[in-house]
Amino acid sequence: MTTQPQVGSDWARRVPGFPEHDFCFRVTGVFTVGEVTYIETKDLENGGLRRGRLEHIFEFAEPVGDT
C-alpha cells in the first residue's frame, strides 16, 4: 500500500481460506513509530477496538461503502 488509509474510512478484511479472520472495520487512527506505521480500528459488527501494523491489517482489505 502506497498511501495511508483515511480516518473514518470503512474496510472489509477477507483472508482467503481463513474466514475466522475476516472482519469489517472503520479506521479510527493512523500513526507511525520509527519506521513502522500502525492503525487503530473499530469493528463495525461488535464495536471492538484493534491496533495493528498497517501492512498486516490491509494485506487482504478492500474499501467498502462511500467513505
Protein backbone atom coordinates (compact mmCIF):
# COMPACT_ATOMS: atom_id res chain seq x y z
CA MET A 1 0.00 0.00 0.00
CA THR A 2 1.49 3.31 -1.04
CA THR A 3 -0.96 5.68 0.66
CA GLN A 4 -2.27 5.64 4.19
CA PRO A 5 -5.96 4.98 4.75
CA GLN A 6 -8.10 7.91 5.82
CA VAL A 7 -9.51 8.08 9.31
CA GLY A 8 -13.24 7.33 9.09
CA SER A 9 -12.97 5.07 6.04
CA ASP A 10 -14.65 1.63 6.15
CA TRP A 11 -12.92 -1.56 5.05
CA ALA A 12 -13.57 -5.29 4.81
CA ARG A 13 -10.73 -7.72 5.50
CA ARG A 14 -11.25 -11.12 3.86
CA VAL A 15 -8.48 -13.68 4.30
CA PRO A 16 -8.74 -16.43 1.65
CA GLY A 17 -9.25 -19.82 3.31
CA PHE A 18 -9.47 -18.36 6.83
CA PRO A 19 -12.93 -16.83 7.30
CA GLU A 20 -12.42 -16.73 11.09
CA HIS A 21 -10.00 -13.82 10.48
CA ASP A 22 -12.49 -11.79 8.40
CA PHE A 23 -13.99 -8.58 9.74
CA CYS A 24 -15.31 -5.19 8.67
CA PHE A 25 -13.80 -2.14 10.31
CA ARG A 26 -13.54 1.64 10.39
CA VAL A 27 -10.14 3.32 10.61
CA THR A 28 -10.05 5.44 13.78
CA GLY A 29 -6.36 6.39 13.81
CA VAL A 30 -3.10 6.15 11.86
CA PHE A 31 0.28 6.74 13.48
CA THR A 32 3.94 5.98 12.93
CA VAL A 33 6.55 4.87 15.45
CA GLY A 34 10.02 4.95 13.94
CA GLU A 35 9.62 3.43 10.50
CA VAL A 36 6.53 1.34 11.33
CA THR A 37 3.01 2.61 10.63
CA TYR A 38 0.15 1.36 12.80
CA ILE A 39 -3.60 1.79 12.55
CA GLU A 40 -6.36 1.74 15.10
CA THR A 41 -9.72 0.32 14.03
CA LYS A 42 -13.22 -0.21 15.32
CA ASP A 43 -15.03 -3.42 14.37
CA LEU A 44 -18.27 -2.49 12.58
CA GLU A 45 -20.13 -5.56 13.87
CA ASN A 46 -19.33 -5.59 17.59
CA GLY A 47 -17.57 -2.27 18.26
CA GLY A 48 -14.33 -3.96 19.31
CA LEU A 49 -11.14 -1.95 19.06
CA ARG A 50 -7.92 -3.19 17.41
CA ARG A 51 -4.46 -1.86 16.79
CA GLY A 52 -2.00 -3.38 14.35
CA ARG A 53 0.62 -2.83 11.71
CA LEU A 54 -0.75 -1.16 8.63
CA GLU A 55 0.65 -3.75 6.22
CA HIS A 56 -0.79 -6.64 8.25
CA ILE A 57 -4.33 -5.28 8.59
CA PHE A 58 -4.52 -4.12 4.97
CA GLU A 59 -2.96 -7.19 3.37
CA PHE A 60 -6.41 -8.57 2.49
CA ALA A 61 -8.53 -5.42 2.94
CA GLU A 62 -10.79 -3.71 0.43
CA PRO A 63 -12.68 -0.44 0.88
CA VAL A 64 -16.45 -0.64 1.40
CA GLY A 65 -19.17 1.99 1.36
CA ASP A 66 -18.90 5.58 0.21
CA THR A 67 -16.06 6.67 2.51
